[in-house]
PDB file of all heavy atoms in Angstrom:
ATOM      1  N   ARG A   1     -11.574  -0.064  11.333  1.00  0.00           N
ATOM      2  CA  ARG A   1     -12.940  -0.561  11.394  1.00  0.00           C
ATOM      3  C   ARG A   1     -13.065  -1.912  10.692  1.00  0.00           C
ATOM      4  O   ARG A   1     -13.838  -2.775  11.114  1.00  0.00           O
ATOM      5  CB  ARG A   1     -13.875   0.456  10.747  1.00  0.00           C
ATOM      6  CG  ARG A   1     -15.325   0.036  10.647  1.00  0.00           C
ATOM      7  CD  ARG A   1     -16.164   1.174  10.109  1.00  0.00           C
ATOM      8  NE  ARG A   1     -17.538   0.760   9.861  1.00  0.00           N
ATOM      9  CZ  ARG A   1     -18.503   1.576   9.431  1.00  0.00           C
ATOM     10  NH1 ARG A   1     -18.229   2.853   9.215  1.00  0.00           N
ATOM     11  NH2 ARG A   1     -19.722   1.124   9.216  1.00  0.00           N
ATOM     12  N   HIS A   2     -12.290  -2.107   9.631  1.00  0.00           N
ATOM     13  CA  HIS A   2     -12.401  -3.324   8.831  1.00  0.00           C
ATOM     14  C   HIS A   2     -11.250  -4.299   9.048  1.00  0.00           C
ATOM     15  O   HIS A   2     -11.440  -5.514   8.933  1.00  0.00           O
ATOM     16  CB  HIS A   2     -12.467  -2.953   7.345  1.00  0.00           C
ATOM     17  CG  HIS A   2     -13.679  -2.167   6.986  1.00  0.00           C
ATOM     18  ND1 HIS A   2     -14.871  -2.755   6.650  1.00  0.00           N
ATOM     19  CD2 HIS A   2     -13.894  -0.824   6.920  1.00  0.00           C
ATOM     20  CE1 HIS A   2     -15.770  -1.819   6.384  1.00  0.00           C
ATOM     21  NE2 HIS A   2     -15.200  -0.639   6.541  1.00  0.00           N
ATOM     22  N   TYR A   3     -10.060  -3.778   9.336  1.00  0.00           N
ATOM     23  CA  TYR A   3      -8.885  -4.630   9.462  1.00  0.00           C
ATOM     24  C   TYR A   3      -8.053  -4.213  10.671  1.00  0.00           C
ATOM     25  O   TYR A   3      -8.079  -3.054  11.081  1.00  0.00           O
ATOM     26  CB  TYR A   3      -7.997  -4.524   8.212  1.00  0.00           C
ATOM     27  CG  TYR A   3      -8.688  -4.792   6.913  1.00  0.00           C
ATOM     28  CD1 TYR A   3      -8.891  -3.763   5.985  1.00  0.00           C
ATOM     29  CD2 TYR A   3      -9.139  -6.066   6.576  1.00  0.00           C
ATOM     30  CE1 TYR A   3      -9.520  -4.004   4.769  1.00  0.00           C
ATOM     31  CE2 TYR A   3      -9.766  -6.317   5.371  1.00  0.00           C
ATOM     32  CZ  TYR A   3      -9.962  -5.279   4.474  1.00  0.00           C
ATOM     33  OH  TYR A   3     -10.577  -5.521   3.287  1.00  0.00           O
ATOM     34  N   ARG A   4      -7.311  -5.170  11.172  1.00  0.00           N
ATOM     35  CA  ARG A   4      -6.317  -4.850  12.195  1.00  0.00           C
ATOM     36  C   ARG A   4      -5.120  -5.770  12.006  1.00  0.00           C
ATOM     37  O   ARG A   4      -5.244  -6.907  11.549  1.00  0.00           O
ATOM     38  CB  ARG A   4      -6.884  -5.000  13.602  1.00  0.00           C
ATOM     39  CG  ARG A   4      -7.214  -6.418  14.004  1.00  0.00           C
ATOM     40  CD  ARG A   4      -7.753  -6.468  15.433  1.00  0.00           C
ATOM     41  NE  ARG A   4      -8.054  -7.838  15.844  1.00  0.00           N
ATOM     42  CZ  ARG A   4      -7.161  -8.666  16.373  1.00  0.00           C
ATOM     43  NH1 ARG A   4      -5.906  -8.261  16.545  1.00  0.00           N
ATOM     44  NH2 ARG A   4      -7.505  -9.890  16.709  1.00  0.00           N
ATOM     45  N   ILE A   5      -3.943  -5.272  12.341  1.00  0.00           N
ATOM     46  CA  ILE A   5      -2.732  -6.084  12.363  1.00  0.00           C
ATOM     47  C   ILE A   5      -2.004  -5.781  13.658  1.00  0.00           C
ATOM     48  O   ILE A   5      -2.069  -4.678  14.186  1.00  0.00           O
ATOM     49  CB  ILE A   5      -1.817  -5.821  11.150  1.00  0.00           C
ATOM     50  CG1 ILE A   5      -1.503  -4.324  10.999  1.00  0.00           C
ATOM     51  CG2 ILE A   5      -2.426  -6.369   9.871  1.00  0.00           C
ATOM     52  CD1 ILE A   5      -0.475  -4.018   9.911  1.00  0.00           C
ATOM     53  N   ASP A   6      -1.306  -6.772  14.183  1.00  0.00           N
ATOM     54  CA  ASP A   6      -0.645  -6.627  15.471  1.00  0.00           C
ATOM     55  C   ASP A   6       0.788  -7.140  15.383  1.00  0.00           C
ATOM     56  O   ASP A   6       1.103  -8.250  15.803  1.00  0.00           O
ATOM     57  CB  ASP A   6      -1.425  -7.395  16.543  1.00  0.00           C
ATOM     58  CG  ASP A   6      -0.891  -7.145  17.948  1.00  0.00           C
ATOM     59  OD1 ASP A   6      -0.122  -6.166  18.128  1.00  0.00           O
ATOM     60  OD2 ASP A   6      -1.229  -7.913  18.861  1.00  0.00           O
ATOM     61  N   GLY A   7       1.627  -6.338  14.744  1.00  0.00           N
ATOM     62  CA  GLY A   7       3.047  -6.647  14.683  1.00  0.00           C
ATOM     63  C   GLY A   7       3.441  -7.771  13.748  1.00  0.00           C
ATOM     64  O   GLY A   7       4.366  -8.534  14.072  1.00  0.00           O
ATOM     65  N   PRO A   8       2.796  -7.942  12.582  1.00  0.00           N
ATOM     66  CA  PRO A   8       3.201  -9.019  11.674  1.00  0.00           C
ATOM     67  C   PRO A   8       4.594  -8.769  11.100  1.00  0.00           C
ATOM     68  O   PRO A   8       4.955  -7.641  10.773  1.00  0.00           O
ATOM     69  CB  PRO A   8       2.143  -8.960  10.572  1.00  0.00           C
ATOM     70  CG  PRO A   8       1.706  -7.534  10.544  1.00  0.00           C
ATOM     71  CD  PRO A   8       1.738  -7.094  11.976  1.00  0.00           C
ATOM     72  N   ILE A   9       5.363  -9.840  10.987  1.00  0.00           N
ATOM     73  CA  ILE A   9       6.696  -9.768  10.391  1.00  0.00           C
ATOM     74  C   ILE A   9       6.571 -10.153   8.927  1.00  0.00           C
ATOM     75  O   ILE A   9       6.103 -11.242   8.597  1.00  0.00           O
ATOM     76  CB  ILE A   9       7.676 -10.707  11.115  1.00  0.00           C
ATOM     77  CG1 ILE A   9       7.823 -10.269  12.572  1.00  0.00           C
ATOM     78  CG2 ILE A   9       9.037 -10.719  10.401  1.00  0.00           C
ATOM     79  CD1 ILE A   9       8.581 -11.252  13.438  1.00  0.00           C
ATOM     80  N   ASN A  10       6.973  -9.272   8.038  1.00  0.00           N
ATOM     81  CA  ASN A  10       6.913  -9.531   6.600  1.00  0.00           C
ATOM     82  C   ASN A  10       8.316  -9.458   6.034  1.00  0.00           C
ATOM     83  O   ASN A  10       8.792  -8.399   5.645  1.00  0.00           O
ATOM     84  CB  ASN A  10       6.004  -8.514   5.906  1.00  0.00           C
ATOM     85  CG  ASN A  10       5.919  -8.762   4.406  1.00  0.00           C
ATOM     86  OD1 ASN A  10       6.009  -9.893   3.965  1.00  0.00           O
ATOM     87  ND2 ASN A  10       5.748  -7.703   3.637  1.00  0.00           N
ATOM     88  N   GLU A  11       8.979 -10.591   6.007  1.00  0.00           N
ATOM     89  CA  GLU A  11      10.328 -10.671   5.450  1.00  0.00           C
ATOM     90  C   GLU A  11      10.400 -11.805   4.445  1.00  0.00           C
ATOM     91  O   GLU A  11       9.870 -12.890   4.707  1.00  0.00           O
ATOM     92  CB  GLU A  11      11.355 -10.889   6.571  1.00  0.00           C
ATOM     93  CG  GLU A  11      11.510  -9.721   7.527  1.00  0.00           C
ATOM     94  CD  GLU A  11      12.047  -8.469   6.861  1.00  0.00           C
ATOM     95  OE1 GLU A  11      12.713  -8.599   5.793  1.00  0.00           O
ATOM     96  OE2 GLU A  11      11.798  -7.370   7.377  1.00  0.00           O
ATOM     97  N   PRO A  12      11.031 -11.612   3.327  1.00  0.00           N
ATOM     98  CA  PRO A  12      11.567 -10.336   2.854  1.00  0.00           C
ATOM     99  C   PRO A  12      10.450  -9.434   2.342  1.00  0.00           C
ATOM    100  O   PRO A  12       9.406  -9.914   1.917  1.00  0.00           O
ATOM    101  CB  PRO A  12      12.479 -10.760   1.704  1.00  0.00           C
ATOM    102  CG  PRO A  12      11.804 -11.991   1.159  1.00  0.00           C
ATOM    103  CD  PRO A  12      11.223 -12.696   2.346  1.00  0.00           C
ATOM    104  N   LYS A  13      10.684  -8.148   2.403  1.00  0.00           N
ATOM    105  CA  LYS A  13       9.670  -7.200   1.937  1.00  0.00           C
ATOM    106  C   LYS A  13       9.635  -7.098   0.414  1.00  0.00           C
ATOM    107  O   LYS A  13       8.632  -6.694  -0.166  1.00  0.00           O
ATOM    108  CB  LYS A  13       9.906  -5.830   2.561  1.00  0.00           C
ATOM    109  CG  LYS A  13       9.640  -5.817   4.068  1.00  0.00           C
ATOM    110  CD  LYS A  13       9.907  -4.468   4.673  1.00  0.00           C
ATOM    111  CE  LYS A  13       9.402  -4.383   6.100  1.00  0.00           C
ATOM    112  NZ  LYS A  13       9.904  -5.452   6.980  1.00  0.00           N
ATOM    113  N   GLY A  14      10.726  -7.450  -0.221  1.00  0.00           N
ATOM    114  CA  GLY A  14      10.809  -7.419  -1.668  1.00  0.00           C
ATOM    115  C   GLY A  14      12.225  -7.733  -2.101  1.00  0.00           C
ATOM    116  O   GLY A  14      13.091  -8.015  -1.274  1.00  0.00           O
ATOM    117  N   ALA A  15      12.445  -7.709  -3.403  1.00  0.00           N
ATOM    118  CA  ALA A  15      13.775  -8.004  -3.928  1.00  0.00           C
ATOM    119  C   ALA A  15      14.705  -6.816  -3.740  1.00  0.00           C
ATOM    120  O   ALA A  15      14.278  -5.662  -3.795  1.00  0.00           O
ATOM    121  CB  ALA A  15      13.674  -8.358  -5.411  1.00  0.00           C
ATOM    122  N   GLY A  16      15.957  -7.113  -3.492  1.00  0.00           N
ATOM    123  CA  GLY A  16      16.967  -6.064  -3.435  1.00  0.00           C
ATOM    124  C   GLY A  16      16.813  -5.096  -2.286  1.00  0.00           C
ATOM    125  O   GLY A  16      17.283  -3.952  -2.357  1.00  0.00           O
ATOM    126  N   GLY A  17      16.117  -5.509  -1.228  1.00  0.00           N
ATOM    127  CA  GLY A  17      15.955  -4.645  -0.066  1.00  0.00           C
ATOM    128  C   GLY A  17      15.003  -3.491  -0.263  1.00  0.00           C
ATOM    129  O   GLY A  17      15.034  -2.517   0.493  1.00  0.00           O
ATOM    130  N   ARG A  18      14.134  -3.558  -1.270  1.00  0.00           N
ATOM    131  CA  ARG A  18      13.165  -2.494  -1.511  1.00  0.00           C
ATOM    132  C   ARG A  18      11.766  -3.090  -1.586  1.00  0.00           C
ATOM    133  O   ARG A  18      11.589  -4.272  -1.853  1.00  0.00           O
ATOM    134  CB  ARG A  18      13.476  -1.751  -2.815  1.00  0.00           C
ATOM    135  CG  ARG A  18      13.485  -2.658  -4.039  1.00  0.00           C
ATOM    136  CD  ARG A  18      13.665  -1.882  -5.331  1.00  0.00           C
ATOM    137  NE  ARG A  18      12.539  -1.044  -5.625  1.00  0.00           N
ATOM    138  CZ  ARG A  18      11.415  -1.455  -6.208  1.00  0.00           C
ATOM    139  NH1 ARG A  18      11.258  -2.731  -6.529  1.00  0.00           N
ATOM    140  NH2 ARG A  18      10.448  -0.622  -6.471  1.00  0.00           N
ATOM    141  N   LYS A  19      10.770  -2.244  -1.354  1.00  0.00           N
ATOM    142  CA  LYS A  19       9.388  -2.708  -1.423  1.00  0.00           C
ATOM    143  C   LYS A  19       8.940  -2.825  -2.877  1.00  0.00           C
ATOM    144  O   LYS A  19       9.498  -2.177  -3.770  1.00  0.00           O
ATOM    145  CB  LYS A  19       8.472  -1.741  -0.680  1.00  0.00           C
ATOM    146  CG  LYS A  19       8.240  -0.415  -1.390  1.00  0.00           C
ATOM    147  CD  LYS A  19       7.229   0.425  -0.656  1.00  0.00           C
ATOM    148  CE  LYS A  19       6.857   1.677  -1.456  1.00  0.00           C
ATOM    149  NZ  LYS A  19       6.134   1.358  -2.707  1.00  0.00           N
ATOM    150  N   PRO A  20       7.912  -3.636  -3.159  1.00  0.00           N
ATOM    151  CA  PRO A  20       7.358  -3.673  -4.517  1.00  0.00           C
ATOM    152  C   PRO A  20       6.708  -2.344  -4.888  1.00  0.00           C
ATOM    153  O   PRO A  20       6.333  -1.553  -4.017  1.00  0.00           O
ATOM    154  CB  PRO A  20       6.292  -4.779  -4.420  1.00  0.00           C
ATOM    155  CG  PRO A  20       6.649  -5.584  -3.210  1.00  0.00           C
ATOM    156  CD  PRO A  20       7.280  -4.616  -2.262  1.00  0.00           C
ATOM    157  N   ASP A  21       6.561  -2.117  -6.178  1.00  0.00           N
ATOM    158  CA  ASP A  21       5.826  -0.947  -6.648  1.00  0.00           C
ATOM    159  C   ASP A  21       4.332  -1.178  -6.439  1.00  0.00           C
ATOM    160  O   ASP A  21       3.804  -2.225  -6.818  1.00  0.00           O
ATOM    161  CB  ASP A  21       6.088  -0.707  -8.135  1.00  0.00           C
ATOM    162  CG  ASP A  21       7.454  -0.080  -8.390  1.00  0.00           C
ATOM    163  OD1 ASP A  21       8.095   0.348  -7.415  1.00  0.00           O
ATOM    164  OD2 ASP A  21       7.864  -0.022  -9.558  1.00  0.00           O
ATOM    165  N   LEU A  22       3.652  -0.186  -5.862  1.00  0.00           N
ATOM    166  CA  LEU A  22       2.220  -0.294  -5.605  1.00  0.00           C
ATOM    167  C   LEU A  22       1.457   0.513  -6.650  1.00  0.00           C
ATOM    168  O   LEU A  22       1.638   1.724  -6.784  1.00  0.00           O
ATOM    169  CB  LEU A  22       1.886   0.217  -4.204  1.00  0.00           C
ATOM    170  CG  LEU A  22       0.405   0.189  -3.814  1.00  0.00           C
ATOM    171  CD1 LEU A  22      -0.130  -1.237  -3.844  1.00  0.00           C
ATOM    172  CD2 LEU A  22       0.194   0.818  -2.436  1.00  0.00           C
ATOM    173  N   TRP A  23       0.585  -0.165  -7.397  1.00  0.00           N
ATOM    174  CA  TRP A  23      -0.280   0.461  -8.391  1.00  0.00           C
ATOM    175  C   TRP A  23      -1.716   0.422  -7.872  1.00  0.00           C
ATOM    176  O   TRP A  23      -2.213  -0.651  -7.525  1.00  0.00           O
ATOM    177  CB  TRP A  23      -0.216  -0.298  -9.723  1.00  0.00           C
ATOM    178  CG  TRP A  23       1.084  -0.161 -10.454  1.00  0.00           C
ATOM    179  CD1 TRP A  23       2.336  -0.453  -9.985  1.00  0.00           C
ATOM    180  CD2 TRP A  23       1.244   0.284 -11.805  1.00  0.00           C
ATOM    181  NE1 TRP A  23       3.268  -0.210 -10.953  1.00  0.00           N
ATOM    182  CE2 TRP A  23       2.633   0.228 -12.085  1.00  0.00           C
ATOM    183  CE3 TRP A  23       0.365   0.691 -12.793  1.00  0.00           C
ATOM    184  CZ2 TRP A  23       3.154   0.601 -13.325  1.00  0.00           C
ATOM    185  CZ3 TRP A  23       0.875   1.059 -14.029  1.00  0.00           C
ATOM    186  CH2 TRP A  23       2.264   1.016 -14.296  1.00  0.00           C
ATOM    187  N   LEU A  24      -2.363   1.570  -7.828  1.00  0.00           N
ATOM    188  CA  LEU A  24      -3.752   1.627  -7.405  1.00  0.00           C
ATOM    189  C   LEU A  24      -4.637   1.896  -8.616  1.00  0.00           C
ATOM    190  O   LEU A  24      -4.372   2.799  -9.403  1.00  0.00           O
ATOM    191  CB  LEU A  24      -3.965   2.716  -6.345  1.00  0.00           C
ATOM    192  CG  LEU A  24      -3.202   2.519  -5.037  1.00  0.00           C
ATOM    193  CD1 LEU A  24      -3.594   3.609  -4.040  1.00  0.00           C
ATOM    194  CD2 LEU A  24      -3.447   1.141  -4.429  1.00  0.00           C
ATOM    195  N   GLY A  25      -5.691   1.097  -8.759  1.00  0.00           N
ATOM    196  CA  GLY A  25      -6.599   1.236  -9.879  1.00  0.00           C
ATOM    197  C   GLY A  25      -7.887   1.926  -9.477  1.00  0.00           C
ATOM    198  O   GLY A  25      -8.393   1.723  -8.366  1.00  0.00           O
ATOM    199  N   GLY A  26      -8.412   2.744 -10.370  1.00  0.00           N
ATOM    200  CA  GLY A  26      -9.662   3.442 -10.099  1.00  0.00           C
ATOM    201  C   GLY A  26      -9.456   4.942 -10.098  1.00  0.00           C
ATOM    202  O   GLY A  26      -8.381   5.439  -9.763  1.00  0.00           O
ATOM    203  N   GLY A  27     -10.516   5.654 -10.443  1.00  0.00           N
ATOM    204  CA  GLY A  27     -10.405   7.106 -10.547  1.00  0.00           C
ATOM    205  C   GLY A  27     -11.202   7.866  -9.521  1.00  0.00           C
ATOM    206  O   GLY A  27     -11.487   9.051  -9.720  1.00  0.00           O
ATOM    207  N   GLY A  28     -11.571   7.206  -8.407  1.00  0.00           N
ATOM    208  CA  GLY A  28     -12.315   7.901  -7.357  1.00  0.00           C
ATOM    209  C   GLY A  28     -11.548   9.126  -6.883  1.00  0.00           C
ATOM    210  O   GLY A  28     -10.406   9.017  -6.432  1.00  0.00           O
ATOM    211  N   GLU A  29     -12.184  10.279  -6.976  1.00  0.00           N
ATOM    212  CA  GLU A  29     -11.456  11.525  -6.750  1.00  0.00           C
ATOM    213  C   GLU A  29     -11.241  11.850  -5.282  1.00  0.00           C
ATOM    214  O   GLU A  29     -10.273  12.534  -4.938  1.00  0.00           O
ATOM    215  CB  GLU A  29     -12.188  12.673  -7.461  1.00  0.00           C
ATOM    216  CG  GLU A  29     -12.245  12.467  -8.975  1.00  0.00           C
ATOM    217  CD  GLU A  29     -12.907  13.610  -9.715  1.00  0.00           C
ATOM    218  OE1 GLU A  29     -13.283  14.612  -9.056  1.00  0.00           O
ATOM    219  OE2 GLU A  29     -13.046  13.517 -10.947  1.00  0.00           O
ATOM    220  N   LYS A  30     -12.131  11.370  -4.407  1.00  0.00           N
ATOM    221  CA  LYS A  30     -12.016  11.702  -2.987  1.00  0.00           C
ATOM    222  C   LYS A  30     -11.171  10.704  -2.210  1.00  0.00           C
ATOM    223  O   LYS A  30     -10.534  11.078  -1.224  1.00  0.00           O
ATOM    224  CB  LYS A  30     -13.406  11.801  -2.364  1.00  0.00           C
ATOM    225  CG  LYS A  30     -14.247  12.948  -2.905  1.00  0.00           C
ATOM    226  CD  LYS A  30     -15.599  13.012  -2.215  1.00  0.00           C
ATOM    227  CE  LYS A  30     -16.435  14.169  -2.736  1.00  0.00           C
ATOM    228  NZ  LYS A  30     -17.774  14.228  -2.068  1.00  0.00           N
ATOM    229  N   VAL A  31     -11.190   9.429  -2.634  1.00  0.00           N
ATOM    230  CA  VAL A  31     -10.470   8.399  -1.881  1.00  0.00           C
ATOM    231  C   VAL A  31      -9.283   7.853  -2.675  1.00  0.00           C
ATOM    232  O   VAL A  31      -8.127   8.016  -2.275  1.00  0.00           O
ATOM    233  CB  VAL A  31     -11.412   7.248  -1.476  1.00  0.00           C
ATOM    234  CG1 VAL A  31     -10.615   6.156  -0.741  1.00  0.00           C
ATOM    235  CG2 VAL A  31     -12.535   7.754  -0.583  1.00  0.00           C
ATOM    236  N   THR A  32      -9.562   7.230  -3.814  1.00  0.00           N
ATOM    237  CA  THR A  32      -8.507   6.501  -4.522  1.00  0.00           C
ATOM    238  C   THR A  32      -7.354   7.402  -4.948  1.00  0.00           C
ATOM    239  O   THR A  32      -6.181   7.097  -4.699  1.00  0.00           O
ATOM    240  CB  THR A  32      -9.078   5.775  -5.742  1.00  0.00           C
ATOM    241  OG1 THR A  32     -10.118   4.886  -5.311  1.00  0.00           O
ATOM    242  CG2 THR A  32      -7.997   4.979  -6.446  1.00  0.00           C
ATOM    243  N   LEU A  33      -7.655   8.511  -5.585  1.00  0.00           N
ATOM    244  CA  LEU A  33      -6.575   9.373  -6.073  1.00  0.00           C
ATOM    245  C   LEU A  33      -5.813  10.039  -4.927  1.00  0.00           C
ATOM    246  O   LEU A  33      -4.621  10.327  -5.049  1.00  0.00           O
ATOM    247  CB  LEU A  33      -7.122  10.403  -7.049  1.00  0.00           C
ATOM    248  CG  LEU A  33      -7.668   9.811  -8.350  1.00  0.00           C
ATOM    249  CD1 LEU A  33      -8.224  10.894  -9.258  1.00  0.00           C
ATOM    250  CD2 LEU A  33      -6.584   9.019  -9.084  1.00  0.00           C
ATOM    251  N   LYS A  34      -6.485  10.260  -3.815  1.00  0.00           N
ATOM    252  CA  LYS A  34      -5.792  10.777  -2.635  1.00  0.00           C
ATOM    253  C   LYS A  34      -4.839   9.720  -2.084  1.00  0.00           C
ATOM    254  O   LYS A  34      -3.722  10.036  -1.653  1.00  0.00           O
ATOM    255  CB  LYS A  34      -6.809  11.192  -1.571  1.00  0.00           C
ATOM    256  CG  LYS A  34      -6.189  11.901  -0.377  1.00  0.00           C
ATOM    257  CD  LYS A  34      -7.263  12.424   0.559  1.00  0.00           C
ATOM    258  CE  LYS A  34      -6.661  13.196   1.723  1.00  0.00           C
ATOM    259  NZ  LYS A  34      -7.725  13.725   2.629  1.00  0.00           N
ATOM    260  N   LEU A  35      -5.262   8.448  -2.112  1.00  0.00           N
ATOM    261  CA  LEU A  35      -4.395   7.357  -1.668  1.00  0.00           C
ATOM    262  C   LEU A  35      -3.196   7.203  -2.599  1.00  0.00           C
ATOM    263  O   LEU A  35      -2.092   6.904  -2.155  1.00  0.00           O
ATOM    264  CB  LEU A  35      -5.182   6.049  -1.607  1.00  0.00           C
ATOM    265  CG  LEU A  35      -6.229   5.943  -0.495  1.00  0.00           C
ATOM    266  CD1 LEU A  35      -7.089   4.701  -0.697  1.00  0.00           C
ATOM    267  CD2 LEU A  35      -5.568   5.922   0.884  1.00  0.00           C
ATOM    268  N   VAL A  36      -3.421   7.398  -3.893  1.00  0.00           N
ATOM    269  CA  VAL A  36      -2.311   7.363  -4.845  1.00  0.00           C
ATOM    270  C   VAL A  36      -1.261   8.406  -4.468  1.00  0.00           C
ATOM    271  O   VAL A  36      -0.062   8.110  -4.407  1.00  0.00           O
ATOM    272  CB  VAL A  36      -2.809   7.610  -6.287  1.00  0.00           C
ATOM    273  CG1 VAL A  36      -1.620   7.806  -7.235  1.00  0.00           C
ATOM    274  CG2 VAL A  36      -3.676   6.452  -6.764  1.00  0.00           C
ATOM    275  N   ALA A  37      -1.722   9.623  -4.198  1.00  0.00           N
ATOM    276  CA  ALA A  37      -0.797  10.699  -3.858  1.00  0.00           C
ATOM    277  C   ALA A  37      -0.023  10.405  -2.576  1.00  0.00           C
ATOM    278  O   ALA A  37       1.144  10.785  -2.450  1.00  0.00           O
ATOM    279  CB  ALA A  37      -1.568  12.013  -3.714  1.00  0.00           C
ATOM    280  N   LYS A  38      -0.659   9.706  -1.654  1.00  0.00           N
ATOM    281  CA  LYS A  38      -0.035   9.478  -0.347  1.00  0.00           C
ATOM    282  C   LYS A  38       0.845   8.236  -0.315  1.00  0.00           C
ATOM    283  O   LYS A  38       1.904   8.235   0.330  1.00  0.00           O
ATOM    284  CB  LYS A  38      -1.123   9.368   0.722  1.00  0.00           C
ATOM    285  CG  LYS A  38      -0.587   9.339   2.142  1.00  0.00           C
ATOM    286  CD  LYS A  38      -1.712   9.445   3.158  1.00  0.00           C
ATOM    287  CE  LYS A  38      -1.163   9.507   4.584  1.00  0.00           C
ATOM    288  NZ  LYS A  38      -2.262   9.623   5.586  1.00  0.00           N
ATOM    289  N   TYR A  39       0.416   7.170  -1.014  1.00  0.00           N
ATOM    290  CA  TYR A  39       1.093   5.880  -0.826  1.00  0.00           C
ATOM    291  C   TYR A  39       1.633   5.227  -2.099  1.00  0.00           C
ATOM    292  O   TYR A  39       2.532   4.384  -2.013  1.00  0.00           O
ATOM    293  CB  TYR A  39       0.121   4.881  -0.182  1.00  0.00           C
ATOM    294  CG  TYR A  39      -0.304   5.223   1.218  1.00  0.00           C
ATOM    295  CD1 TYR A  39      -1.626   5.568   1.500  1.00  0.00           C
ATOM    296  CD2 TYR A  39       0.602   5.181   2.280  1.00  0.00           C
ATOM    297  CE1 TYR A  39      -2.040   5.864   2.789  1.00  0.00           C
ATOM    298  CE2 TYR A  39       0.198   5.470   3.571  1.00  0.00           C
ATOM    299  CZ  TYR A  39      -1.127   5.816   3.824  1.00  0.00           C
ATOM    300  OH  TYR A  39      -1.516   6.109   5.096  1.00  0.00           O
ATOM    301  N   ALA A  40       1.065   5.519  -3.261  1.00  0.00           N
ATOM    302  CA  ALA A  40       1.308   4.671  -4.432  1.00  0.00           C
ATOM    303  C   ALA A  40       2.465   5.139  -5.296  1.00  0.00           C
ATOM    304  O   ALA A  40       2.897   6.294  -5.242  1.00  0.00           O
ATOM    305  CB  ALA A  40       0.034   4.577  -5.275  1.00  0.00           C
TER     306      ALA A  40
END
């Protein structure tokens, strides 16, 4: 609804062939913490 991407190439993805560590801030119990469990 808010964003779309259509095949963007992101190289390099990070150092040493690995992705960066993703830190999510906020204590929203229904959205943010669920996103932490799934992605962060």
